[in-house]
Amino acid sequence: MTQERTWRKSSYSGGAEDSDCVEVSLSSDALVRDSKNPSGGVLTFSSAAWQNFLESR
């Protein structure tokens, strides 16, 4: 059984419920999905890869 994940919207979305943006779920890895299609595809990143991404911005 898949563990329930908590998702949060990007701070760049302005926080509006109907805004188009990405959502991220952080745990031992980082999952990223399109907020308009939450049941669609999900990108999975290791915690090290996600940290490298954040530091490169």
N, C-alpha and C. Protein backbone atom coordinates (compact mmCIF):
# COMPACT_ATOMS: atom_id res chain seq x y z
N MET A 1 0.85 -1.19 0.00
CA MET A 1 0.00 0.00 0.00
C MET A 1 0.89 1.25 0.00
N THR A 2 0.54 2.22 -0.83
CA THR A 2 1.30 3.45 -0.94
C THR A 2 1.00 4.37 0.23
N GLN A 3 2.07 4.92 0.82
CA GLN A 3 1.92 5.85 1.93
C GLN A 3 1.30 7.15 1.44
N GLU A 4 0.38 7.70 2.23
CA GLU A 4 -0.24 8.99 1.89
C GLU A 4 0.82 10.08 1.99
N ARG A 5 0.88 10.94 0.99
CA ARG A 5 1.87 12.02 0.96
C ARG A 5 1.16 13.36 1.12
N THR A 6 1.88 14.32 1.70
CA THR A 6 1.39 15.69 1.82
C THR A 6 2.00 16.49 0.68
N TRP A 7 1.17 17.23 -0.04
CA TRP A 7 1.61 18.03 -1.19
C TRP A 7 1.46 19.50 -0.86
N ARG A 8 2.40 20.32 -1.36
CA ARG A 8 2.26 21.77 -1.22
C ARG A 8 2.59 22.42 -2.55
N LYS A 9 1.92 23.54 -2.80
CA LYS A 9 2.13 24.26 -4.05
C LYS A 9 3.38 25.11 -3.99
N SER A 10 3.94 25.36 -5.15
CA SER A 10 5.10 26.23 -5.25
C SER A 10 4.77 27.61 -4.73
N SER A 11 5.73 28.22 -4.05
CA SER A 11 5.52 29.59 -3.57
C SER A 11 5.42 30.58 -4.72
N TYR A 12 5.88 30.20 -5.91
CA TYR A 12 5.79 31.06 -7.08
C TYR A 12 4.39 31.09 -7.68
N SER A 13 3.47 30.26 -7.20
CA SER A 13 2.12 30.22 -7.75
C SER A 13 1.25 31.33 -7.20
N GLY A 14 1.70 32.00 -6.17
CA GLY A 14 0.89 33.04 -5.55
C GLY A 14 -0.08 32.49 -4.53
N GLY A 15 -0.12 31.17 -4.37
CA GLY A 15 -0.94 30.55 -3.35
C GLY A 15 -2.41 30.41 -3.68
N ALA A 16 -2.85 30.86 -4.84
CA ALA A 16 -4.27 30.75 -5.20
C ALA A 16 -4.62 29.29 -5.50
N GLU A 17 -5.81 28.88 -5.09
CA GLU A 17 -6.25 27.50 -5.31
C GLU A 17 -6.34 27.13 -6.78
N ASP A 18 -6.75 28.06 -7.63
CA ASP A 18 -6.95 27.74 -9.05
C ASP A 18 -5.76 28.11 -9.93
N SER A 19 -4.61 28.43 -9.33
CA SER A 19 -3.45 28.82 -10.12
C SER A 19 -2.76 27.59 -10.70
N ASP A 20 -2.09 27.77 -11.84
CA ASP A 20 -1.35 26.70 -12.50
C ASP A 20 0.06 26.67 -11.97
N CYS A 21 0.46 25.57 -11.41
CA CYS A 21 1.80 25.48 -10.87
C CYS A 21 2.16 24.02 -10.62
N VAL A 22 3.27 23.83 -9.99
CA VAL A 22 3.69 22.49 -9.60
C VAL A 22 3.49 22.33 -8.10
N GLU A 23 3.37 21.08 -7.69
CA GLU A 23 3.29 20.75 -6.28
C GLU A 23 4.44 19.81 -5.96
N VAL A 24 4.91 19.88 -4.72
CA VAL A 24 6.01 19.02 -4.29
C VAL A 24 5.62 18.32 -3.00
N SER A 25 6.08 17.08 -2.87
CA SER A 25 5.90 16.31 -1.64
C SER A 25 7.28 15.84 -1.21
N LEU A 26 7.68 16.26 -0.02
CA LEU A 26 9.02 15.93 0.47
C LEU A 26 8.92 14.88 1.57
N SER A 27 9.76 13.88 1.45
CA SER A 27 9.87 12.82 2.45
C SER A 27 11.31 12.35 2.39
N SER A 28 11.55 11.08 2.18
CA SER A 28 12.92 10.61 1.98
C SER A 28 13.36 10.87 0.54
N ASP A 29 12.41 11.35 -0.27
CA ASP A 29 12.65 11.74 -1.66
C ASP A 29 11.82 12.98 -1.94
N ALA A 30 11.83 13.45 -3.17
CA ALA A 30 11.00 14.58 -3.57
C ALA A 30 10.17 14.17 -4.77
N LEU A 31 8.87 14.31 -4.65
CA LEU A 31 7.96 14.04 -5.76
C LEU A 31 7.42 15.37 -6.26
N VAL A 32 7.32 15.51 -7.59
CA VAL A 32 6.84 16.75 -8.20
C VAL A 32 5.74 16.39 -9.18
N ARG A 33 4.63 17.13 -9.14
CA ARG A 33 3.51 16.88 -10.05
C ARG A 33 2.88 18.19 -10.48
N ASP A 34 2.09 18.12 -11.54
CA ASP A 34 1.35 19.26 -12.07
C ASP A 34 0.08 19.43 -11.24
N SER A 35 -0.14 20.61 -10.68
CA SER A 35 -1.31 20.82 -9.82
C SER A 35 -2.63 20.71 -10.58
N LYS A 36 -2.61 20.92 -11.89
CA LYS A 36 -3.83 20.82 -12.69
C LYS A 36 -4.21 19.37 -12.95
N ASN A 37 -3.25 18.43 -12.78
CA ASN A 37 -3.48 17.02 -13.07
C ASN A 37 -2.82 16.16 -11.99
N PRO A 38 -3.33 16.21 -10.76
CA PRO A 38 -2.67 15.51 -9.66
C PRO A 38 -2.64 13.99 -9.81
N SER A 39 -3.52 13.43 -10.62
CA SER A 39 -3.49 11.98 -10.82
C SER A 39 -2.63 11.58 -12.01
N GLY A 40 -2.01 12.56 -12.65
CA GLY A 40 -1.14 12.29 -13.79
C GLY A 40 0.24 11.87 -13.35
N GLY A 41 1.21 12.05 -14.21
CA GLY A 41 2.57 11.63 -13.95
C GLY A 41 3.22 12.40 -12.80
N VAL A 42 4.18 11.73 -12.18
CA VAL A 42 4.93 12.30 -11.06
C VAL A 42 6.41 12.11 -11.34
N LEU A 43 7.19 13.15 -11.14
CA LEU A 43 8.65 13.04 -11.24
C LEU A 43 9.19 12.75 -9.85
N THR A 44 10.13 11.82 -9.76
CA THR A 44 10.73 11.45 -8.48
C THR A 44 12.21 11.81 -8.49
N PHE A 45 12.65 12.51 -7.44
CA PHE A 45 14.04 12.90 -7.29
C PHE A 45 14.56 12.40 -5.95
N SER A 46 15.81 11.98 -5.91
CA SER A 46 16.42 11.63 -4.63
C SER A 46 16.56 12.91 -3.81
N SER A 47 16.72 12.76 -2.50
CA SER A 47 16.88 13.96 -1.67
C SER A 47 18.14 14.73 -2.05
N ALA A 48 19.21 14.02 -2.44
CA ALA A 48 20.45 14.70 -2.87
C ALA A 48 20.23 15.48 -4.16
N ALA A 49 19.52 14.89 -5.12
CA ALA A 49 19.25 15.59 -6.38
C ALA A 49 18.36 16.81 -6.15
N TRP A 50 17.37 16.69 -5.27
CA TRP A 50 16.49 17.82 -4.97
C TRP A 50 17.28 18.95 -4.31
N GLN A 51 18.16 18.60 -3.39
CA GLN A 51 18.99 19.60 -2.71
C GLN A 51 19.89 20.31 -3.72
N ASN A 52 20.47 19.56 -4.65
CA ASN A 52 21.31 20.17 -5.70
C ASN A 52 20.49 21.13 -6.55
N PHE A 53 19.28 20.75 -6.88
CA PHE A 53 18.39 21.62 -7.66
C PHE A 53 18.12 22.93 -6.91
N LEU A 54 17.79 22.83 -5.63
CA LEU A 54 17.50 24.04 -4.85
C LEU A 54 18.72 24.94 -4.72
N GLU A 55 19.88 24.35 -4.56
CA GLU A 55 21.10 25.15 -4.43
C GLU A 55 21.54 25.79 -5.73
N SER A 56 21.10 25.26 -6.85
CA SER A 56 21.52 25.80 -8.16
C SER A 56 20.67 26.98 -8.62
N ARG A 57 19.58 27.26 -7.92
CA ARG A 57 18.68 28.34 -8.33
C ARG A 57 19.30 29.67 -8.07
